[in-house]
PDB file of N, CA and C in Angstrom:
ATOM      1  N   UNK A   1       7.704 151.912 165.416  1.00  0.00           N
ATOM      2  CA  UNK A   1       6.560 152.822 165.525  1.00  0.00           C
ATOM      3  C   UNK A   1       5.689 152.583 164.302  1.00  0.00           C
ATOM      4  N   UNK A   2       4.386 152.438 164.558  1.00  0.00           N
ATOM      5  CA  UNK A   2       3.446 152.245 163.433  1.00  0.00           C
ATOM      6  C   UNK A   2       3.106 153.600 162.784  1.00  0.00           C
ATOM      7  N   UNK A   3       3.117 153.569 161.497  1.00  0.00           N
ATOM      8  CA  UNK A   3       2.815 154.783 160.680  1.00  0.00           C
ATOM      9  C   UNK A   3       1.526 154.568 159.903  1.00  0.00           C
ATOM     10  N   UNK A   4       1.087 155.635 159.249  1.00  0.00           N
ATOM     11  CA  UNK A   4      -0.075 155.514 158.378  1.00  0.00           C
ATOM     12  C   UNK A   4       0.211 154.527 157.266  1.00  0.00           C
ATOM     13  N   UNK A   5       1.416 154.380 156.852  1.00  0.00           N
ATOM     14  CA  UNK A   5       1.752 153.421 155.759  1.00  0.00           C
ATOM     15  C   UNK A   5       1.597 151.985 156.277  1.00  0.00           C
ATOM     16  N   UNK A   6       1.963 151.743 157.567  1.00  0.00           N
ATOM     17  CA  UNK A   6       1.700 150.414 158.098  1.00  0.00           C
ATOM     18  C   UNK A   6       0.209 150.102 158.031  1.00  0.00           C
ATOM     19  N   UNK A   7      -0.620 151.060 158.380  1.00  0.00           N
ATOM     20  CA  UNK A   7      -2.078 150.900 158.424  1.00  0.00           C
ATOM     21  C   UNK A   7      -2.600 150.613 156.959  1.00  0.00           C
ATOM     22  N   UNK A   8      -2.026 151.304 155.996  1.00  0.00           N
ATOM     23  CA  UNK A   8      -2.419 151.037 154.621  1.00  0.00           C
ATOM     24  C   UNK A   8      -2.042 149.633 154.179  1.00  0.00           C
ATOM     25  N   UNK A   9      -0.799 149.213 154.552  1.00  0.00           N
ATOM     26  CA  UNK A   9      -0.349 147.861 154.237  1.00  0.00           C
ATOM     27  C   UNK A   9      -1.265 146.809 154.835  1.00  0.00           C
ATOM     28  N   UNK A  10      -1.729 147.055 156.063  1.00  0.00           N
ATOM     29  CA  UNK A  10      -2.608 146.147 156.764  1.00  0.00           C
ATOM     30  C   UNK A  10      -4.061 146.262 156.369  1.00  0.00           C
ATOM     31  N   UNK A  11      -4.366 147.227 155.458  1.00  0.00           N
ATOM     32  CA  UNK A  11      -5.710 147.509 154.949  1.00  0.00           C
ATOM     33  C   UNK A  11      -6.661 148.056 156.040  1.00  0.00           C
ATOM     34  N   UNK A  12      -6.047 148.702 157.045  1.00  0.00           N
ATOM     35  CA  UNK A  12      -6.809 149.366 158.079  1.00  0.00           C
ATOM     36  C   UNK A  12      -7.231 150.774 157.598  1.00  0.00           C
ATOM     37  N   UNK A  13      -6.531 151.308 156.673  1.00  0.00           N
ATOM     38  CA  UNK A  13      -6.868 152.571 156.042  1.00  0.00           C
ATOM     39  C   UNK A  13      -6.893 152.332 154.528  1.00  0.00           C
ATOM     40  N   UNK A  14      -7.896 152.847 153.851  1.00  0.00           N
ATOM     41  CA  UNK A  14      -8.013 152.629 152.421  1.00  0.00           C
ATOM     42  C   UNK A  14      -7.063 153.560 151.679  1.00  0.00           C
ATOM     43  N   UNK A  15      -6.634 153.111 150.495  1.00  0.00           N
ATOM     44  CA  UNK A  15      -5.780 153.854 149.599  1.00  0.00           C
ATOM     45  C   UNK A  15      -6.070 153.362 148.229  1.00  0.00           C
ATOM     46  N   UNK A  16      -5.738 154.224 147.249  1.00  0.00           N
ATOM     47  CA  UNK A  16      -5.890 153.818 145.814  1.00  0.00           C
ATOM     48  C   UNK A  16      -4.629 153.075 145.419  1.00  0.00           C
ATOM     49  N   UNK A  17      -4.649 151.735 145.657  1.00  0.00           N
ATOM     50  CA  UNK A  17      -3.500 150.894 145.400  1.00  0.00           C
ATOM     51  C   UNK A  17      -3.359 150.603 143.948  1.00  0.00           C
ATOM     52  N   UNK A  18      -2.172 150.879 143.398  1.00  0.00           N
ATOM     53  CA  UNK A  18      -1.870 150.575 142.012  1.00  0.00           C
ATOM     54  C   UNK A  18      -1.443 149.132 141.845  1.00  0.00           C
ATOM     55  N   UNK A  19      -0.572 148.666 142.757  1.00  0.00           N
ATOM     56  CA  UNK A  19      -0.216 147.238 142.817  1.00  0.00           C
ATOM     57  C   UNK A  19       0.483 146.965 144.141  1.00  0.00           C
ATOM     58  N   UNK A  20       0.566 145.688 144.450  1.00  0.00           N
ATOM     59  CA  UNK A  20       1.392 145.249 145.585  1.00  0.00           C
ATOM     60  C   UNK A  20       1.787 143.815 145.364  1.00  0.00           C
ATOM     61  N   UNK A  21       2.835 143.468 146.075  1.00  0.00           N
ATOM     62  CA  UNK A  21       3.284 142.019 146.116  1.00  0.00           C
ATOM     63  C   UNK A  21       3.717 141.704 147.534  1.00  0.00           C
ATOM     64  N   UNK A  22       4.439 140.711 147.737  1.00  0.00           N
ATOM     65  CA  UNK A  22       4.827 140.320 149.082  1.00  0.00           C
ATOM     66  C   UNK A  22       5.746 141.310 149.763  1.00  0.00           C
ATOM     67  N   UNK A  23       6.436 142.105 148.959  1.00  0.00           N
ATOM     68  CA  UNK A  23       7.519 142.994 149.511  1.00  0.00           C
ATOM     69  C   UNK A  23       7.180 144.490 149.496  1.00  0.00           C
ATOM     70  N   UNK A  24       6.389 144.932 148.543  1.00  0.00           N
ATOM     71  CA  UNK A  24       6.123 146.409 148.421  1.00  0.00           C
ATOM     72  C   UNK A  24       4.679 146.660 148.066  1.00  0.00           C
ATOM     73  N   UNK A  25       4.279 147.894 148.301  1.00  0.00           N
ATOM     74  CA  UNK A  25       2.955 148.326 147.931  1.00  0.00           C
ATOM     75  C   UNK A  25       3.106 149.701 147.270  1.00  0.00           C
ATOM     76  N   UNK A  26       2.325 149.996 146.242  1.00  0.00           N
ATOM     77  CA  UNK A  26       2.330 151.237 145.512  1.00  0.00           C
ATOM     78  C   UNK A  26       0.924 151.843 145.493  1.00  0.00           C
ATOM     79  N   UNK A  27       0.801 153.049 145.940  1.00  0.00           N
ATOM     80  CA  UNK A  27      -0.538 153.675 146.024  1.00  0.00           C
ATOM     81  C   UNK A  27      -0.406 155.158 145.705  1.00  0.00           C
ATOM     82  N   UNK A  28      -1.552 155.721 145.307  1.00  0.00           N
ATOM     83  CA  UNK A  28      -1.603 157.109 144.965  1.00  0.00           C
ATOM     84  C   UNK A  28      -1.398 158.000 146.165  1.00  0.00           C
ATOM     85  N   UNK A  29      -0.586 159.058 145.981  1.00  0.00           N
ATOM     86  CA  UNK A  29      -0.308 160.041 147.063  1.00  0.00           C
ATOM     87  C   UNK A  29      -1.509 160.964 147.149  1.00  0.00           C
ATOM     88  N   UNK A  30      -2.028 161.177 148.359  1.00  0.00           N
ATOM     89  CA  UNK A  30      -3.199 162.023 148.513  1.00  0.00           C
ATOM     90  C   UNK A  30      -2.804 163.508 148.455  1.00  0.00           C
ATOM     91  N   UNK A  31      -1.491 163.808 148.497  1.00  0.00           N
ATOM     92  CA  UNK A  31      -1.026 165.173 148.392  1.00  0.00           C
ATOM     93  C   UNK A  31      -0.163 165.323 147.111  1.00  0.00           C
ATOM     94  N   UNK A  32      -0.745 164.968 145.969  1.00  0.00           N
ATOM     95  CA  UNK A  32      -0.032 164.899 144.713  1.00  0.00           C
ATOM     96  C   UNK A  32       0.594 166.255 144.322  1.00  0.00           C
ATOM     97  N   UNK A  33       1.810 166.209 143.769  1.00  0.00           N
ATOM     98  CA  UNK A  33       2.446 167.411 143.326  1.00  0.00           C
ATOM     99  C   UNK A  33       2.610 167.411 141.774  1.00  0.00           C
ATOM    100  N   UNK A  34       2.041 166.380 141.168  1.00  0.00           N
ATOM    101  CA  UNK A  34       2.080 166.239 139.716  1.00  0.00           C
ATOM    102  C   UNK A  34       0.874 165.400 139.315  1.00  0.00           C
ATOM    103  N   UNK A  35       0.570 165.410 137.953  1.00  0.00           N
ATOM    104  CA  UNK A  35      -0.585 164.622 137.496  1.00  0.00           C
ATOM    105  C   UNK A  35      -0.472 163.149 137.879  1.00  0.00           C
ATOM    106  N   UNK A  36       0.751 162.580 137.909  1.00  0.00           N
ATOM    107  CA  UNK A  36       0.983 161.225 138.385  1.00  0.00           C
ATOM    108  C   UNK A  36       1.874 161.358 139.623  1.00  0.00           C
ATOM    109  N   UNK A  37       1.403 160.812 140.746  1.00  0.00           N
ATOM    110  CA  UNK A  37       2.165 160.839 141.972  1.00  0.00           C
ATOM    111  C   UNK A  37       1.776 159.659 142.831  1.00  0.00           C
ATOM    112  N   UNK A  38       2.705 158.671 142.894  1.00  0.00           N
ATOM    113  CA  UNK A  38       2.488 157.457 143.667  1.00  0.00           C
ATOM    114  C   UNK A  38       3.615 157.266 144.681  1.00  0.00           C
ATOM    115  N   UNK A  39       3.271 156.560 145.729  1.00  0.00           N
ATOM    116  CA  UNK A  39       4.239 156.206 146.737  1.00  0.00           C
ATOM    117  C   UNK A  39       4.505 154.706 146.655  1.00  0.00           C
ATOM    118  N   UNK A  40       5.788 154.362 146.766  1.00  0.00           N
ATOM    119  CA  UNK A  40       6.197 152.952 146.830  1.00  0.00           C
ATOM    120  C   UNK A  40       6.756 152.736 148.203  1.00  0.00           C
ATOM    121  N   UNK A  41       6.216 151.781 148.924  1.00  0.00           N
ATOM    122  CA  UNK A  41       6.564 151.605 150.312  1.00  0.00           C
ATOM    123  C   UNK A  41       6.895 150.106 150.532  1.00  0.00           C
ATOM    124  N   UNK A  42       8.066 149.797 151.083  1.00  0.00           N
ATOM    125  CA  UNK A  42       8.425 148.402 151.407  1.00  0.00           C
ATOM    126  C   UNK A  42       7.560 147.990 152.584  1.00  0.00           C
ATOM    127  N   UNK A  43       7.214 146.687 152.603  1.00  0.00           N
ATOM    128  CA  UNK A  43       6.472 146.121 153.707  1.00  0.00           C
ATOM    129  C   UNK A  43       7.315 145.699 154.885  1.00  0.00           C
ATOM    130  N   UNK A  44       8.492 146.297 154.986  1.00  0.00           N
ATOM    131  CA  UNK A  44       9.369 145.987 156.112  1.00  0.00           C
ATOM    132  C   UNK A  44       9.502 147.236 156.982  1.00  0.00           C
ATOM    133  N   UNK A  45       9.962 147.105 158.194  1.00  0.00           N
ATOM    134  CA  UNK A  45      10.218 148.263 159.016  1.00  0.00           C
ATOM    135  C   UNK A  45      11.579 148.857 158.700  1.00  0.00           C
ATOM    136  N   UNK A  46      11.552 149.936 157.959  1.00  0.00           N
ATOM    137  CA  UNK A  46      12.767 150.667 157.615  1.00  0.00           C
ATOM    138  C   UNK A  46      12.383 152.149 157.657  1.00  0.00           C
ATOM    139  N   UNK A  47      12.957 152.872 158.585  1.00  0.00           N
ATOM    140  CA  UNK A  47      12.528 154.238 158.836  1.00  0.00           C
ATOM    141  C   UNK A  47      12.817 155.189 157.660  1.00  0.00           C
ATOM    142  N   UNK A  48      14.050 155.064 157.148  1.00  0.00           N
ATOM    143  CA  UNK A  48      14.466 155.980 156.064  1.00  0.00           C
ATOM    144  C   UNK A  48      15.699 155.438 155.334  1.00  0.00           C
ATOM    145  N   UNK A  49      16.072 156.089 154.258  1.00  0.00           N
ATOM    146  CA  UNK A  49      17.311 155.679 153.547  1.00  0.00           C
ATOM    147  C   UNK A  49      18.495 155.862 154.472  1.00  0.00           C
ATOM    148  N   UNK A  50      18.457 156.897 155.294  1.00  0.00           N
ATOM    149  CA  UNK A  50      19.529 157.160 156.194  1.00  0.00           C
ATOM    150  C   UNK A  50      19.731 156.133 157.271  1.00  0.00           C
ATOM    151  N   UNK A  51      18.703 155.323 157.531  1.00  0.00           N
ATOM    152  CA  UNK A  51      18.827 154.294 158.525  1.00  0.00           C
ATOM    153  C   UNK A  51      19.069 152.900 157.897  1.00  0.00           C
ATOM    154  N   UNK A  52      19.166 152.832 156.589  1.00  0.00           N
ATOM    155  CA  UNK A  52      19.395 151.583 155.859  1.00  0.00           C
ATOM    156  C   UNK A  52      20.807 151.078 156.101  1.00  0.00           C
ATOM    157  N   UNK A  53      20.925 149.732 156.069  1.00  0.00           N
ATOM    158  CA  UNK A  53      22.234 149.127 156.190  1.00  0.00           C
ATOM    159  C   UNK A  53      22.439 148.139 155.035  1.00  0.00           C
ATOM    160  N   UNK A  54      23.581 147.512 155.011  1.00  0.00           N
ATOM    161  CA  UNK A  54      23.832 146.534 153.949  1.00  0.00           C
ATOM    162  C   UNK A  54      22.812 145.351 153.970  1.00  0.00           C
ATOM    163  N   UNK A  55      22.116 145.163 155.108  1.00  0.00           N
ATOM    164  CA  UNK A  55      21.092 144.131 155.170  1.00  0.00           C
ATOM    165  C   UNK A  55      19.848 144.509 154.383  1.00  0.00           C
ATOM    166  N   UNK A  56      19.726 145.783 153.990  1.00  0.00           N
ATOM    167  CA  UNK A  56      18.536 146.287 153.298  1.00  0.00           C
ATOM    168  C   UNK A  56      18.723 146.383 151.783  1.00  0.00           C
ATOM    169  N   UNK A  57      19.808 145.877 151.280  1.00  0.00           N
ATOM    170  CA  UNK A  57      20.116 145.969 149.819  1.00  0.00           C
ATOM    171  C   UNK A  57      18.987 145.389 148.992  1.00  0.00           C
ATOM    172  N   UNK A  58      18.507 144.217 149.363  1.00  0.00           N
ATOM    173  CA  UNK A  58      17.479 143.532 148.551  1.00  0.00           C
ATOM    174  C   UNK A  58      16.201 144.312 148.512  1.00  0.00           C
ATOM    175  N   UNK A  59      15.713 144.796 149.680  1.00  0.00           N
ATOM    176  CA  UNK A  59      14.461 145.543 149.707  1.00  0.00           C
ATOM    177  C   UNK A  59      14.579 146.889 148.976  1.00  0.00           C
ATOM    178  N   UNK A  60      15.729 147.519 149.075  1.00  0.00           N
ATOM    179  CA  UNK A  60      15.954 148.784 148.367  1.00  0.00           C
ATOM    180  C   UNK A  60      15.912 148.573 146.887  1.00  0.00           C
ATOM    181  N   UNK A  61      16.463 147.497 146.386  1.00  0.00           N
ATOM    182  CA  UNK A  61      16.363 147.174 144.998  1.00  0.00           C
ATOM    183  C   UNK A  61      14.942 146.918 144.569  1.00  0.00           C
ATOM    184  N   UNK A  62      14.194 146.257 145.390  1.00  0.00           N
ATOM    185  CA  UNK A  62      12.785 145.929 145.073  1.00  0.00           C
ATOM    186  C   UNK A  62      11.969 147.216 145.033  1.00  0.00           C
ATOM    187  N   UNK A  63      12.294 148.176 145.890  1.00  0.00           N
ATOM    188  CA  UNK A  63      11.595 149.448 145.889  1.00  0.00           C
ATOM    189  C   UNK A  63      11.862 150.162 144.551  1.00  0.00           C
ATOM    190  N   UNK A  64      13.133 150.190 144.094  1.00  0.00           N
ATOM    191  CA  UNK A  64      13.483 150.870 142.863  1.00  0.00           C
ATOM    192  C   UNK A  64      12.781 150.188 141.656  1.00  0.00           C
ATOM    193  N   UNK A  65      12.772 148.869 141.604  1.00  0.00           N
ATOM    194  CA  UNK A  65      12.112 148.152 140.561  1.00  0.00           C
ATOM    195  C   UNK A  65      10.602 148.426 140.587  1.00  0.00           C
ATOM    196  N   UNK A  66      10.042 148.559 141.775  1.00  0.00           N
ATOM    197  CA  UNK A  66       8.610 148.867 141.907  1.00  0.00           C
ATOM    198  C   UNK A  66       8.347 150.288 141.353  1.00  0.00           C
ATOM    199  N   UNK A  67       9.262 151.203 141.604  1.00  0.00           N
ATOM    200  CA  UNK A  67       9.158 152.537 141.024  1.00  0.00           C
ATOM    201  C   UNK A  67       9.069 152.480 139.511  1.00  0.00           C
ATOM    202  N   UNK A  68       9.918 151.681 138.909  1.00  0.00           N
ATOM    203  CA  UNK A  68       9.916 151.494 137.479  1.00  0.00           C
ATOM    204  C   UNK A  68       8.546 150.893 137.025  1.00  0.00           C
ATOM    205  N   UNK A  69       8.058 149.952 137.815  1.00  0.00           N
ATOM    206  CA  UNK A  69       6.761 149.358 137.447  1.00  0.00           C
ATOM    207  C   UNK A  69       5.638 150.395 137.473  1.00  0.00           C
ATOM    208  N   UNK A  70       5.644 151.260 138.513  1.00  0.00           N
ATOM    209  CA  UNK A  70       4.656 152.333 138.538  1.00  0.00           C
ATOM    210  C   UNK A  70       4.772 153.200 137.223  1.00  0.00           C
ATOM    211  N   UNK A  71       5.975 153.556 136.860  1.00  0.00           N
ATOM    212  CA  UNK A  71       6.174 154.358 135.662  1.00  0.00           C
ATOM    213  C   UNK A  71       5.679 153.608 134.402  1.00  0.00           C
ATOM    214  N   UNK A  72       5.900 152.326 134.351  1.00  0.00           N
ATOM    215  CA  UNK A  72       5.378 151.538 133.196  1.00  0.00           C
ATOM    216  C   UNK A  72       3.870 151.515 133.180  1.00  0.00           C
ATOM    217  N   UNK A  73       3.237 151.249 134.327  1.00  0.00           N
ATOM    218  CA  UNK A  73       1.779 151.174 134.366  1.00  0.00           C
ATOM    219  C   UNK A  73       1.142 152.518 134.026  1.00  0.00           C
ATOM    220  N   UNK A  74       1.761 153.573 134.470  1.00  0.00           N
ATOM    221  CA  UNK A  74       1.195 154.923 134.227  1.00  0.00           C
ATOM    222  C   UNK A  74       1.657 155.576 132.949  1.00  0.00           C
ATOM    223  N   UNK A  75       2.458 154.840 132.117  1.00  0.00           N
ATOM    224  CA  UNK A  75       2.849 155.346 130.812  1.00  0.00           C
ATOM    225  C   UNK A  75       3.916 156.447 130.883  1.00  0.00           C
ATOM    226  N   UNK A  76       4.800 156.359 131.856  1.00  0.00           N
ATOM    227  CA  UNK A  76       5.803 157.425 131.998  1.00  0.00           C
ATOM    228  C   UNK A  76       7.200 157.063 131.487  1.00  0.00           C
ATOM    229  N   UNK A  77       7.404 155.857 131.028  1.00  0.00           N
ATOM    230  CA  UNK A  77       8.759 155.410 130.635  1.00  0.00           C
ATOM    231  C   UNK A  77       9.259 156.282 129.455  1.00  0.00           C
ATOM    232  N   UNK A  78       8.435 156.557 128.514  1.00  0.00           N
ATOM    233  CA  UNK A  78       8.862 157.356 127.359  1.00  0.00           C
ATOM    234  C   UNK A  78       8.975 158.828 127.652  1.00  0.00           C
ATOM    235  N   UNK A  79       8.069 159.377 128.463  1.00  0.00           N
ATOM    236  CA  UNK A  79       8.045 160.830 128.707  1.00  0.00           C
ATOM    237  C   UNK A  79       8.943 161.251 129.854  1.00  0.00           C
ATOM    238  N   UNK A  80       9.250 160.280 130.756  1.00  0.00           N
ATOM    239  CA  UNK A  80      10.115 160.591 131.900  1.00  0.00           C
ATOM    240  C   UNK A  80       9.394 160.687 133.190  1.00  0.00           C
ATOM    241  N   UNK A  81      10.140 160.411 134.257  1.00  0.00           N
ATOM    242  CA  UNK A  81       9.525 160.482 135.593  1.00  0.00           C
ATOM    243  C   UNK A  81      10.622 160.742 136.604  1.00  0.00           C
ATOM    244  N   UNK A  82      10.265 161.129 137.803  1.00  0.00           N
ATOM    245  CA  UNK A  82      11.222 161.400 138.859  1.00  0.00           C
ATOM    246  C   UNK A  82      10.898 160.504 140.031  1.00  0.00           C
ATOM    247  N   UNK A  83      11.947 160.009 140.699  1.00  0.00           N
ATOM    248  CA  UNK A  83      11.823 159.238 141.892  1.00  0.00           C
ATOM    249  C   UNK A  83      12.533 160.032 143.012  1.00  0.00           C
ATOM    250  N   UNK A  84      11.784 160.267 144.107  1.00  0.00           N
ATOM    251  CA  UNK A  84      12.330 161.075 145.203  1.00  0.00           C
ATOM    252  C   UNK A  84      12.239 160.254 146.495  1.00  0.00           C
ATOM    253  N   UNK A  85      13.323 160.223 147.226  1.00  0.00           N
ATOM    254  CA  UNK A  85      13.385 159.600 148.553  1.00  0.00           C
ATOM    255  C   UNK A  85      13.853 160.669 149.533  1.00  0.00           C
ATOM    256  N   UNK A  86      12.958 161.131 150.385  1.00  0.00           N
ATOM    257  CA  UNK A  86      13.341 162.096 151.422  1.00  0.00           C
ATOM    258  C   UNK A  86      13.820 161.315 152.637  1.00  0.00           C
ATOM    259  N   UNK A  87      14.951 161.685 153.205  1.00  0.00           N
ATOM    260  CA  UNK A  87      15.493 160.948 154.333  1.00  0.00           C
ATOM    261  C   UNK A  87      15.741 161.928 155.475  1.00  0.00           C
ATOM    262  N   UNK A  88      14.836 161.890 156.451  1.00  0.00           N
ATOM    263  CA  UNK A  88      14.932 162.760 157.598  1.00  0.00           C
ATOM    264  C   UNK A  88      14.051 163.984 157.511  1.00  0.00           C
ATOM    265  N   UNK A  89      13.704 164.476 158.669  1.00  0.00           N
ATOM    266  CA  UNK A  89      12.790 165.629 158.732  1.00  0.00           C
ATOM    267  C   UNK A  89      13.299 166.859 158.007  1.00  0.00           C
ATOM    268  N   UNK A  90      14.632 167.141 158.056  1.00  0.00           N
ATOM    269  CA  UNK A  90      15.209 168.262 157.401  1.00  0.00           C
ATOM    270  C   UNK A  90      15.103 168.179 155.879  1.00  0.00           C
ATOM    271  N   UNK A  91      14.941 166.984 155.359  1.00  0.00           N
ATOM    272  CA  UNK A  91      14.773 166.784 153.921  1.00  0.00           C
ATOM    273  C   UNK A  91      13.308 166.735 153.480  1.00  0.00           C
ATOM    274  N   UNK A  92      12.433 166.862 154.417  1.00  0.00           N
ATOM    275  CA  UNK A  92      11.004 166.843 154.129  1.00  0.00           C
ATOM    276  C   UNK A  92      10.294 165.551 154.362  1.00  0.00           C
ATOM    277  N   UNK A  93      10.973 164.542 154.980  1.00  0.00           N
ATOM    278  CA  UNK A  93      10.279 163.317 155.282  1.00  0.00           C
ATOM    279  C   UNK A  93       9.275 163.551 156.412  1.00  0.00           C
ATOM    280  N   UNK A  94       8.002 163.252 156.189  1.00  0.00           N
ATOM    281  CA  UNK A  94       7.004 163.466 157.201  1.00  0.00           C
ATOM    282  C   UNK A  94       6.411 162.170 157.754  1.00  0.00           C
ATOM    283  N   UNK A  95       6.567 161.072 157.044  1.00  0.00           N
ATOM    284  CA  UNK A  95       6.133 159.749 157.515  1.00  0.00           C
ATOM    285  C   UNK A  95       7.452 158.952 157.591  1.00  0.00           C
ATOM    286  N   UNK A  96       7.696 158.521 158.801  1.00  0.00           N
ATOM    287  CA  UNK A  96       8.978 157.832 159.088  1.00  0.00           C
ATOM    288  C   UNK A  96       8.918 156.329 158.851  1.00  0.00           C
ATOM    289  N   UNK A  97       8.611 156.021 157.591  1.00  0.00           N
ATOM    290  CA  UNK A  97       8.696 154.692 157.016  1.00  0.00           C
ATOM    291  C   UNK A  97       9.226 154.970 155.597  1.00  0.00           C
ATOM    292  N   UNK A  98      10.333 154.329 155.246  1.00  0.00           N
ATOM    293  CA  UNK A  98      10.924 154.568 153.928  1.00  0.00           C
ATOM    294  C   UNK A  98       9.863 154.533 152.877  1.00  0.00           C
ATOM    295  N   UNK A  99       9.874 155.463 151.941  1.00  0.00           N
ATOM    296  CA  UNK A  99       8.946 155.443 150.814  1.00  0.00           C
ATOM    297  C   UNK A  99       9.546 156.295 149.712  1.00  0.00           C
ATOM    298  N   UNK A 100       9.263 155.854 148.470  1.00  0.00           N
ATOM    299  CA  UNK A 100       9.719 156.565 147.293  1.00  0.00           C
ATOM    300  C   UNK A 100       8.521 157.232 146.619  1.00  0.00           C
ATOM    301  N   UNK A 101       8.686 158.424 146.190  1.00  0.00           N
ATOM    302  CA  UNK A 101       7.721 159.155 145.435  1.00  0.00           C
ATOM    303  C   UNK A 101       7.999 158.952 143.945  1.00  0.00           C
ATOM    304  N   UNK A 102       7.027 158.474 143.169  1.00  0.00           N
ATOM    305  CA  UNK A 102       7.164 158.367 141.742  1.00  0.00           C
ATOM    306  C   UNK A 102       6.275 159.469 141.171  1.00  0.00           C
ATOM    307  N   UNK A 103       6.880 160.443 140.516  1.00  0.00           N
ATOM    308  CA  UNK A 103       6.075 161.556 139.995  1.00  0.00           C
ATOM    309  C   UNK A 103       6.335 161.783 138.538  1.00  0.00           C
ATOM    310  N   UNK A 104       5.341 162.227 137.839  1.00  0.00           N
ATOM    311  CA  UNK A 104       5.456 162.422 136.403  1.00  0.00           C
ATOM    312  C   UNK A 104       4.216 163.067 135.843  1.00  0.00           C
ATOM    313  N   UNK A 105       4.158 163.188 134.512  1.00  0.00           N
ATOM    314  CA  UNK A 105       3.025 163.729 133.850  1.00  0.00           C
ATOM    315  C   UNK A 105       3.143 165.252 133.619  1.00  0.00           C
ATOM    316  N   UNK A 106       4.261 165.791 133.946  1.00  0.00           N
ATOM    317  CA  UNK A 106       4.532 167.194 133.684  1.00  0.00           C
ATOM    318  C   UNK A 106       6.070 167.356 133.580  1.00  0.00           C
ATOM    319  N   UNK A 107       6.506 168.506 133.119  1.00  0.00           N
ATOM    320  CA  UNK A 107       7.939 168.783 133.000  1.00  0.00           C
ATOM    321  C   UNK A 107       8.467 169.214 134.426  1.00  0.00           C
ATOM    322  N   UNK A 108       9.656 168.773 134.704  1.00  0.00           N
ATOM    323  CA  UNK A 108      10.320 169.144 135.971  1.00  0.00           C
ATOM    324  C   UNK A 108      11.559 169.963 135.688  1.00  0.00           C
ATOM    325  N   UNK A 109      11.893 170.794 136.627  1.00  0.00           N
ATOM    326  CA  UNK A 109      13.061 171.645 136.502  1.00  0.00           C
ATOM    327  C   UNK A 109      14.177 171.101 137.364  1.00  0.00           C
ATOM    328  N   UNK A 110      15.413 171.535 137.157  1.00  0.00           N
ATOM    329  CA  UNK A 110      16.548 171.167 137.966  1.00  0.00           C
ATOM    330  C   UNK A 110      17.339 172.407 138.274  1.00  0.00           C
ATOM    331  N   UNK A 111      17.767 172.646 139.464  1.00  0.00           N
ATOM    332  CA  UNK A 111      17.582 171.793 140.617  1.00  0.00           C
ATOM    333  C   UNK A 111      16.163 171.906 141.158  1.00  0.00           C
ATOM    334  N   UNK A 112      15.680 170.867 141.890  1.00  0.00           N
ATOM    335  CA  UNK A 112      14.321 170.855 142.388  1.00  0.00           C
ATOM    336  C   UNK A 112      14.124 171.836 143.561  1.00  0.00           C
ATOM    337  N   UNK A 113      14.083 172.492 144.143  1.00  0.00           N
ATOM    338  CA  UNK A 113      13.912 173.490 145.124  1.00  0.00           C
ATOM    339  C   UNK A 113      14.367 173.141 146.462  1.00  0.00           C
TER     340      UNK A 113
END
């Protein structure tokens, strides 16, 4: 199923892209919950973390390293940042293409709500 993220990857919908390579794309979230809020999306068809298999190990690692790169570019390594992966509707996933939220620029509490 094609999602809005597929359309962003194909440049059919514009987004504020921070970076991309052959495997992932990182762009600003239009519904930001913090001063810094980017989404990291793999360019493969993977619905959620819950649907991942051992065949997805490489792309999952690339997503995590891309999250770190977002934090580096946005100056969050020293101050801290949070990476969130919602898996399934009950966890708040609204776009069914795996994506990681990289958020920072303010203090976060635990547990998150």
